[in-house]
Amino acid sequence: MISIGIVLMVSALYDSYGWAGALVATNVLAWALGNAVLSRLVDRYGQARVMIPALIIAQSAMIYLVLAAWVQSPVWVLFAPTALNGLAGGSAGALVRARWNHALDGSSLLHTAFSLESTLDEVTYIIGPLVATALSTMVHPTAGLIAPVVLSLVGGLWFYYFLRGTQPPVRRRPLDHIPVEEDEPQDRQAPVAATLQRDRFVLAFGGMVSVVLVTALFGGVFGALDVSIVAATTAWDARSMAGLVLAGMSLGSAAAGLAYGARHWKAPLPKRFLIGVAVFAILMPLYLLAHNAPVLTICGFLAGSAIAPSFTNANSLVTVLVPKHRLTEGLSWIGTSIGLGVALGSSFAGWLIDRHGYVAGYWTAVIAVMISLVLAIAGYQILRHHAALRSD
């Protein structure tokens, strides 16, 4: 709701898709950076202790953003509250998946739980754009950003405070760090080396970079489509249809997520991950064929069928590749990478749309998904090797 709300608000009040894309990029980039920090703090201090203050800061910043736009402040004034909202936003998706992993540790039901969460994510992507678009076009351009404030405060306090009993306990490092002397016996050096190995940067765990690069490019697709669809429906004099068109992709993703999670697959995770990326790359060019809102919605539904299964596989791979005491941080990097991609995709697409029209935004999305397929193929062997090692 925040991304589409910013695009609708800024394009209406400031008549620029370029500024709209830049503000979306600022929000999501700040969210991606802040999320990496917050997730590490959550692993160390717990979800409620970190995220309740962050929630209040994020929504206070959003209120300031809405008020500043309402009174038509200079566009540069909007960047600071947009960035602060992103920095303190956090990733509820990563935190709820960490709770599932704690509740179903070692169970085959974890695949089903992750598929359910990916499907529910898509349900919010169906409802959210519809509500944001309706509020922005029928009430006031800023109204699409007021609803996320209310929903975030109610849902966030419920999740972080009243559902504290389901959050995983803070996990200590498996071994305390003890400096190693040069003449230290080998049996003493081994556990210390293991500790240093476990405390390295989370993306240094084998296979993580491959997953994160692919999900970042998926984010680039989403960011480009957010701006492109608003621009396209506006050009067709059907601006109020933007939310419905965006919901089409999410509906396809939700349906595929339910079907994917309803059964257990024999193919290994890395292979399923690669197949999901390939399907998305094959279906995304359908957007280039659409010249009205109903056809665009159908194309989005078809392309969306690859999204929830792909993210289910990506999150499942993280649980295999990353140690348990770093799991929230690892899962948050999926969201962080998507956020970085959205920031770049929306900014670049907005700049191109202002100069060449909405079709240029579609091409941004198509090129991003093709690059993701190339990277998925290139990283397949690495993922297969490290996933097998961790499973053993």
Protein backbone atom coordinates (compact mmCIF):
# COMPACT_ATOMS: atom_id res chain seq x y z
CA MET A 1 0.00 0.00 0.00
CA ILE A 2 2.84 2.38 0.74
CA SER A 3 4.52 2.13 -2.66
CA ILE A 4 1.33 2.46 -4.71
CA GLY A 5 0.06 5.14 -2.29
CA ILE A 6 3.20 7.24 -2.82
CA VAL A 7 2.97 6.88 -6.61
CA LEU A 8 -0.70 7.89 -6.65
CA MET A 9 -0.19 10.79 -4.24
CA VAL A 10 2.90 12.31 -5.85
CA SER A 11 1.77 11.83 -9.46
CA ALA A 12 -1.53 13.56 -8.60
CA LEU A 13 -0.22 16.40 -6.40
CA TYR A 14 3.15 17.02 -8.06
CA ASP A 15 2.43 15.74 -11.61
CA SER A 16 5.62 13.69 -11.89
CA TYR A 17 6.22 9.97 -12.12
CA GLY A 18 9.93 10.65 -11.83
CA TRP A 19 9.54 12.17 -8.35
CA ALA A 20 7.06 9.41 -7.44
CA GLY A 21 9.56 6.74 -8.42
CA ALA A 22 12.36 8.53 -6.55
CA LEU A 23 10.30 8.69 -3.35
CA VAL A 24 9.32 5.02 -3.61
CA ALA A 25 12.98 4.22 -4.17
CA THR A 26 13.96 6.26 -1.10
CA ASN A 27 11.38 4.54 1.09
CA VAL A 28 12.21 1.02 -0.02
CA LEU A 29 15.98 1.54 -0.05
CA ALA A 30 15.82 2.92 3.49
CA TRP A 31 13.62 -0.01 4.48
CA ALA A 32 16.11 -2.46 3.01
CA LEU A 33 19.02 -0.93 4.91
CA GLY A 34 17.09 -0.52 8.15
CA ASN A 35 15.71 -4.03 7.89
CA ALA A 36 19.21 -5.51 7.81
CA VAL A 37 20.03 -3.75 11.08
CA LEU A 38 16.69 -4.39 12.80
CA SER A 39 16.73 -8.11 11.98
CA ARG A 40 20.16 -8.50 13.57
CA LEU A 41 18.93 -6.68 16.67
CA VAL A 42 15.84 -8.91 16.78
CA ASP A 43 18.01 -12.04 16.79
CA ARG A 44 19.96 -10.54 19.68
CA TYR A 45 17.22 -8.94 21.82
CA GLY A 46 13.88 -10.39 20.67
CA GLN A 47 11.06 -9.23 18.42
CA ALA A 48 8.90 -7.20 20.81
CA ARG A 49 11.78 -5.33 22.43
CA VAL A 50 13.11 -4.06 19.10
CA MET A 51 10.07 -3.75 16.87
CA ILE A 52 7.55 -1.91 19.09
CA PRO A 53 9.66 1.29 19.26
CA ALA A 54 10.51 0.91 15.56
CA LEU A 55 6.81 0.61 14.71
CA ILE A 56 5.95 3.86 16.49
CA ILE A 57 8.80 5.74 14.78
CA ALA A 58 7.84 4.43 11.33
CA GLN A 59 4.18 5.40 11.58
CA SER A 60 4.95 8.82 13.08
CA ALA A 61 7.12 9.50 10.03
CA MET A 62 4.32 8.40 7.69
CA ILE A 63 1.88 10.79 9.38
CA TYR A 64 4.36 13.64 8.83
CA LEU A 65 4.73 12.64 5.16
CA VAL A 66 0.97 12.72 4.60
CA LEU A 67 0.61 16.12 6.27
CA ALA A 68 3.52 17.59 4.30
CA ALA A 69 2.04 16.44 0.99
CA TRP A 70 -1.45 17.55 2.01
CA VAL A 71 -0.29 21.17 2.38
CA GLN A 72 1.75 20.94 -0.86
CA SER A 73 5.17 21.32 0.74
CA PRO A 74 8.14 21.38 -1.68
CA VAL A 75 8.78 17.85 -2.91
CA TRP A 76 12.22 17.70 -1.26
CA VAL A 77 10.51 17.98 2.15
CA LEU A 78 8.91 14.58 1.54
CA PHE A 79 12.17 12.66 1.33
CA ALA A 80 13.15 12.75 5.03
CA PRO A 81 9.91 11.27 6.47
CA THR A 82 9.78 8.80 3.57
CA ALA A 83 13.27 7.56 4.44
CA LEU A 84 12.58 7.43 8.20
CA ASN A 85 9.42 5.38 7.63
CA GLY A 86 11.46 2.91 5.62
CA LEU A 87 14.35 2.71 8.07
CA ALA A 88 12.08 1.78 10.97
CA GLY A 89 9.64 -0.39 9.00
CA GLY A 90 11.14 -3.83 9.62
CA SER A 91 10.04 -7.09 8.03
CA ALA A 92 7.01 -8.70 9.63
CA GLY A 93 7.21 -11.41 6.98
CA ALA A 94 10.65 -12.52 8.15
CA LEU A 95 9.59 -12.38 11.79
CA VAL A 96 6.48 -14.50 11.30
CA ARG A 97 8.51 -17.06 9.32
CA ALA A 98 11.02 -17.17 12.17
CA ARG A 99 8.11 -17.99 14.49
CA TRP A 100 6.95 -20.78 12.17
CA ASN A 101 10.47 -22.18 12.05
CA HIS A 102 10.58 -22.21 15.86
CA ALA A 103 7.15 -23.85 16.14
CA LEU A 104 7.73 -26.48 13.45
CA ASP A 105 11.45 -27.06 13.86
CA GLY A 106 12.40 -30.09 11.80
CA SER A 107 8.86 -30.78 10.60
CA SER A 108 7.92 -31.34 6.96
CA LEU A 109 5.00 -28.98 7.63
CA LEU A 110 7.41 -26.03 7.46
CA HIS A 111 7.13 -26.06 3.65
CA THR A 112 3.36 -25.81 3.96
CA ALA A 113 3.60 -23.02 6.52
CA PHE A 114 5.96 -20.99 4.33
CA SER A 115 3.66 -21.51 1.34
CA LEU A 116 0.71 -20.34 3.43
CA GLU A 117 2.62 -17.20 4.44
CA SER A 118 3.58 -16.46 0.84
CA THR A 119 -0.07 -16.87 -0.14
CA LEU A 120 -1.25 -14.57 2.66
CA ASP A 121 1.37 -12.04 1.55
CA GLU A 122 -0.26 -12.08 -1.86
CA VAL A 123 -3.71 -11.62 -0.31
CA THR A 124 -2.45 -8.36 1.19
CA TYR A 125 -1.08 -7.42 -2.24
CA ILE A 126 -4.55 -8.05 -3.69
CA ILE A 127 -6.46 -6.03 -1.11
CA GLY A 128 -3.87 -3.33 -0.39
CA PRO A 129 -3.56 -1.77 -3.87
CA LEU A 130 -7.34 -1.86 -4.31
CA VAL A 131 -7.91 -0.01 -1.05
CA ALA A 132 -5.05 2.43 -1.63
CA THR A 133 -6.22 3.21 -5.17
CA ALA A 134 -9.85 3.67 -4.11
CA LEU A 135 -8.89 5.99 -1.27
CA SER A 136 -6.45 8.00 -3.39
CA THR A 137 -8.77 8.45 -6.37
CA MET A 138 -12.14 8.76 -4.58
CA VAL A 139 -11.27 10.51 -1.30
CA HIS A 140 -7.98 12.42 -1.53
CA PRO A 141 -4.55 11.69 -3.07
CA THR A 142 -3.06 11.35 0.43
CA ALA A 143 -5.78 9.01 1.73
CA GLY A 144 -4.06 5.93 0.32
CA LEU A 145 -1.26 6.40 2.85
CA ILE A 146 -3.47 6.99 5.88
CA ALA A 147 -4.87 3.44 5.90
CA PRO A 148 -1.38 1.83 6.15
CA VAL A 149 -0.70 3.89 9.29
CA VAL A 150 -3.83 2.59 11.03
CA LEU A 151 -3.34 -1.00 9.84
CA SER A 152 0.34 -1.04 10.80
CA LEU A 153 -0.30 0.26 14.30
CA VAL A 154 -3.18 -2.14 15.01
CA GLY A 155 -1.60 -5.18 13.37
CA GLY A 156 1.90 -4.39 14.58
CA LEU A 157 0.98 -3.96 18.24
CA TRP A 158 -1.13 -7.13 18.09
CA PHE A 159 1.71 -9.13 16.55
CA TYR A 160 4.66 -7.74 18.52
CA TYR A 161 3.00 -7.22 21.93
CA PHE A 162 -0.09 -9.39 22.35
CA LEU A 163 1.32 -12.41 20.47
CA ARG A 164 4.67 -12.43 22.26
CA GLY A 165 4.12 -16.03 23.32
CA THR A 166 4.71 -17.30 19.78
CA GLN A 167 7.97 -15.48 19.14
CA PRO A 168 11.16 -17.58 19.21
CA PRO A 169 13.48 -17.19 22.20
CA VAL A 170 16.67 -15.24 21.76
CA ARG A 171 19.28 -17.74 20.66
CA ARG A 172 22.81 -17.43 22.01
CA ARG A 173 25.80 -18.14 19.85
CA PRO A 174 26.65 -21.83 19.90
CA LEU A 175 30.07 -21.09 21.37
CA ASP A 176 31.52 -18.06 23.12
CA HIS A 177 34.27 -16.30 21.23
CA ILE A 178 37.62 -16.95 22.83
CA PRO A 179 40.80 -15.51 21.30
CA VAL A 180 43.18 -18.14 19.96
CA GLU A 181 46.87 -17.99 20.78
CA GLU A 182 49.40 -19.12 18.19
CA ASP A 183 50.51 -22.03 20.37
CA GLU A 184 46.93 -23.06 21.16
CA PRO A 185 46.38 -26.82 20.78
CA GLN A 186 44.45 -27.94 17.69
CA ASP A 187 41.53 -29.29 19.69
CA ARG A 188 41.19 -25.85 21.25
CA GLN A 189 41.35 -23.98 17.95
CA ALA A 190 38.64 -26.05 16.25
CA PRO A 191 35.61 -24.87 18.29
CA VAL A 192 36.82 -21.26 18.14
CA ALA A 193 37.13 -21.48 14.37
CA ALA A 194 33.59 -22.83 14.26
CA THR A 195 32.42 -19.83 16.30
CA LEU A 196 34.10 -17.38 13.95
CA GLN A 197 32.52 -19.22 11.04
CA ARG A 198 29.07 -18.89 12.55
CA ASP A 199 29.51 -15.17 13.33
CA ARG A 200 30.50 -14.08 9.82
CA PHE A 201 28.34 -11.80 7.68
CA VAL A 202 25.12 -13.66 6.91
CA LEU A 203 25.53 -13.31 3.13
CA ALA A 204 28.89 -15.07 3.41
CA PHE A 205 27.15 -18.38 4.08
CA GLY A 206 27.41 -20.44 0.90
CA GLY A 207 24.55 -19.98 -1.54
CA MET A 208 23.00 -16.92 0.14
CA VAL A 209 24.32 -14.47 -2.45
CA SER A 210 22.71 -16.47 -5.26
CA VAL A 211 19.31 -16.38 -3.58
CA VAL A 212 19.53 -12.70 -2.63
CA LEU A 213 20.57 -11.53 -6.10
CA VAL A 214 17.63 -13.31 -7.71
CA THR A 215 15.08 -11.96 -5.20
CA ALA A 216 16.55 -8.45 -5.61
CA LEU A 217 15.82 -8.61 -9.34
CA PHE A 218 12.30 -9.85 -8.58
CA GLY A 219 12.00 -6.69 -6.49
CA GLY A 220 13.13 -4.67 -9.50
CA VAL A 221 10.26 -6.18 -11.46
CA PHE A 222 7.74 -5.24 -8.75
CA GLY A 223 9.07 -1.68 -8.46
CA ALA A 224 8.94 -1.13 -12.20
CA LEU A 225 5.41 -2.52 -12.43
CA ASP A 226 4.09 -0.35 -9.57
CA VAL A 227 4.95 2.81 -11.49
CA SER A 228 4.26 1.43 -14.98
CA ILE A 229 0.76 0.20 -14.21
CA VAL A 230 -0.30 3.53 -12.71
CA ALA A 231 1.16 5.30 -15.77
CA ALA A 232 -0.52 2.88 -18.19
CA THR A 233 -3.97 3.04 -16.63
CA THR A 234 -3.69 6.84 -16.47
CA ALA A 235 -2.81 6.94 -20.18
CA TRP A 236 -5.88 4.78 -20.91
CA ASP A 237 -8.07 7.10 -18.80
CA ALA A 238 -8.63 4.23 -16.34
CA ARG A 239 -6.54 5.38 -13.37
CA SER A 240 -9.01 3.95 -10.86
CA MET A 241 -8.27 0.49 -12.31
CA ALA A 242 -4.60 0.57 -11.22
CA GLY A 243 -5.26 -1.24 -7.96
CA LEU A 244 -7.32 -3.93 -9.68
CA VAL A 245 -4.57 -4.51 -12.25
CA LEU A 246 -1.93 -4.85 -9.52
CA ALA A 247 -4.24 -7.19 -7.64
CA GLY A 248 -4.39 -9.47 -10.69
CA MET A 249 -0.76 -10.48 -10.33
CA SER A 250 -1.19 -11.02 -6.60
CA LEU A 251 -4.29 -13.15 -7.13
CA GLY A 252 -2.38 -15.39 -9.52
CA SER A 253 0.46 -15.64 -7.05
CA ALA A 254 -1.89 -16.46 -4.15
CA ALA A 255 -3.63 -19.22 -6.09
CA ALA A 256 -0.30 -20.73 -7.12
CA GLY A 257 1.01 -20.45 -3.56
CA LEU A 258 -1.92 -22.45 -2.17
CA ALA A 259 -1.54 -25.13 -4.81
CA TYR A 260 2.23 -25.29 -4.34
CA GLY A 261 2.04 -25.58 -0.57
CA ALA A 262 -0.69 -28.21 -0.61
CA ARG A 263 1.72 -30.95 -1.65
CA HIS A 264 5.26 -32.00 -0.84
CA TRP A 265 7.73 -32.07 -3.68
CA LYS A 266 10.41 -34.65 -4.36
CA ALA A 267 12.59 -32.33 -6.45
CA PRO A 268 15.38 -30.68 -4.41
CA LEU A 269 14.92 -27.05 -3.33
CA PRO A 270 17.59 -25.54 -5.63
CA LYS A 271 15.96 -27.13 -8.67
CA ARG A 272 12.50 -25.91 -7.68
CA PHE A 273 13.91 -22.43 -7.13
CA LEU A 274 15.42 -22.38 -10.63
CA ILE A 275 12.20 -23.64 -12.22
CA GLY A 276 10.17 -20.90 -10.51
CA VAL A 277 12.50 -18.19 -11.81
CA ALA A 278 12.37 -19.67 -15.32
CA VAL A 279 8.56 -19.69 -15.34
CA PHE A 280 8.46 -16.04 -14.23
CA ALA A 281 10.92 -15.09 -16.99
CA ILE A 282 8.79 -16.87 -19.60
CA LEU A 283 5.53 -15.22 -18.52
CA MET A 284 6.66 -11.65 -17.79
CA PRO A 285 6.84 -10.53 -21.48
CA LEU A 286 3.05 -10.95 -21.63
CA TYR A 287 2.84 -7.43 -20.20
CA LEU A 288 4.18 -6.06 -23.48
CA LEU A 289 1.10 -7.41 -25.29
CA ALA A 290 -1.49 -5.63 -23.11
CA HIS A 291 -3.11 -2.39 -24.32
CA ASN A 292 -6.05 -2.10 -21.93
CA ALA A 293 -6.70 -2.69 -18.24
CA PRO A 294 -8.64 -6.02 -18.45
CA VAL A 295 -5.99 -7.68 -20.64
CA LEU A 296 -3.25 -6.27 -18.40
CA THR A 297 -4.98 -7.82 -15.38
CA ILE A 298 -5.09 -11.25 -17.06
CA CYS A 299 -1.42 -11.01 -18.04
CA GLY A 300 -0.57 -10.11 -14.45
CA PHE A 301 -2.56 -13.09 -13.14
CA LEU A 302 -0.61 -15.48 -15.37
CA ALA A 303 2.79 -13.96 -14.58
CA GLY A 304 1.99 -13.90 -10.87
CA SER A 305 1.65 -17.69 -10.75
CA ALA A 306 5.44 -17.97 -10.41
CA ILE A 307 5.88 -15.49 -7.55
CA ALA A 308 4.64 -17.18 -4.34
CA PRO A 309 6.25 -20.56 -5.16
CA SER A 310 9.55 -18.81 -5.93
CA PHE A 311 9.54 -16.92 -2.63
CA THR A 312 8.50 -20.04 -0.73
CA ASN A 313 11.57 -21.75 -2.16
CA ALA A 314 13.80 -18.75 -1.46
CA ASN A 315 12.76 -18.60 2.22
CA SER A 316 13.08 -22.37 2.57
CA LEU A 317 16.60 -22.23 1.13
CA VAL A 318 17.55 -19.62 3.74
CA THR A 319 16.46 -21.94 6.56
CA VAL A 320 18.84 -24.54 5.11
CA LEU A 321 21.79 -22.25 4.40
CA VAL A 322 21.87 -20.12 7.58
CA PRO A 323 22.43 -21.24 11.21
CA LYS A 324 19.35 -21.06 13.45
CA HIS A 325 20.71 -18.30 15.69
CA ARG A 326 21.00 -16.07 12.58
CA LEU A 327 17.72 -17.13 10.97
CA THR A 328 15.76 -13.88 11.37
CA GLU A 329 18.66 -11.97 9.88
CA GLY A 330 18.90 -14.44 7.00
CA LEU A 331 15.17 -14.37 6.26
CA SER A 332 15.14 -10.58 6.47
CA TRP A 333 17.72 -10.42 3.69
CA ILE A 334 15.06 -11.80 1.34
CA GLY A 335 12.93 -8.77 2.14
CA THR A 336 15.94 -6.48 2.10
CA SER A 337 16.98 -7.66 -1.35
CA ILE A 338 13.45 -7.23 -2.67
CA GLY A 339 13.42 -3.74 -1.20
CA LEU A 340 16.68 -2.81 -2.89
CA GLY A 341 15.30 -4.11 -6.17
CA VAL A 342 12.02 -2.20 -5.78
CA ALA A 343 13.98 0.98 -5.07
CA LEU A 344 16.06 0.65 -8.24
CA GLY A 345 13.21 -0.63 -10.40
CA SER A 346 10.70 2.06 -9.44
CA SER A 347 13.24 4.87 -9.72
CA PHE A 348 14.60 3.75 -13.09
CA ALA A 349 11.17 2.94 -14.50
CA GLY A 350 9.76 6.30 -13.35
CA TRP A 351 12.61 8.13 -15.07
CA LEU A 352 12.07 6.19 -18.31
CA ILE A 353 8.28 6.61 -18.23
CA ASP A 354 8.55 10.39 -17.98
CA ARG A 355 10.64 10.34 -21.18
CA HIS A 356 9.37 7.38 -23.22
CA GLY A 357 5.96 6.36 -21.86
CA TYR A 358 4.68 3.44 -19.82
CA VAL A 359 5.93 0.73 -22.20
CA ALA A 360 9.49 1.63 -21.18
CA GLY A 361 8.53 0.66 -17.63
CA TYR A 362 7.39 -2.76 -18.83
CA TRP A 363 10.70 -3.28 -20.58
CA THR A 364 12.48 -2.47 -17.31
CA ALA A 365 10.56 -5.32 -15.64
CA VAL A 366 11.17 -7.76 -18.50
CA ILE A 367 14.93 -7.10 -18.58
CA ALA A 368 15.17 -7.46 -14.78
CA VAL A 369 13.51 -10.89 -14.78
CA MET A 370 15.68 -12.10 -17.66
CA ILE A 371 18.81 -11.14 -15.72
CA SER A 372 17.41 -12.98 -12.67
CA LEU A 373 17.11 -16.15 -14.77
CA VAL A 374 20.72 -15.85 -15.94
CA LEU A 375 21.88 -15.45 -12.33
CA ALA A 376 19.71 -18.35 -11.13
CA ILE A 377 21.26 -20.62 -13.75
CA ALA A 378 24.76 -19.41 -12.89
CA GLY A 379 24.24 -20.03 -9.17
CA TYR A 380 22.42 -23.34 -9.41
CA GLN A 381 25.44 -25.58 -8.80
CA ILE A 382 26.58 -23.45 -5.87
CA LEU A 383 23.14 -23.61 -4.29
CA ARG A 384 22.86 -27.35 -4.83
CA HIS A 385 26.28 -27.94 -3.26
CA HIS A 386 25.73 -25.84 -0.13
CA ALA A 387 22.12 -26.94 0.38
CA ALA A 388 23.31 -30.56 0.30
CA LEU A 389 26.09 -29.82 2.80
CA ARG A 390 23.77 -28.11 5.28
CA SER A 391 21.13 -30.83 4.93
CA ASP A 392 23.73 -33.46 5.74
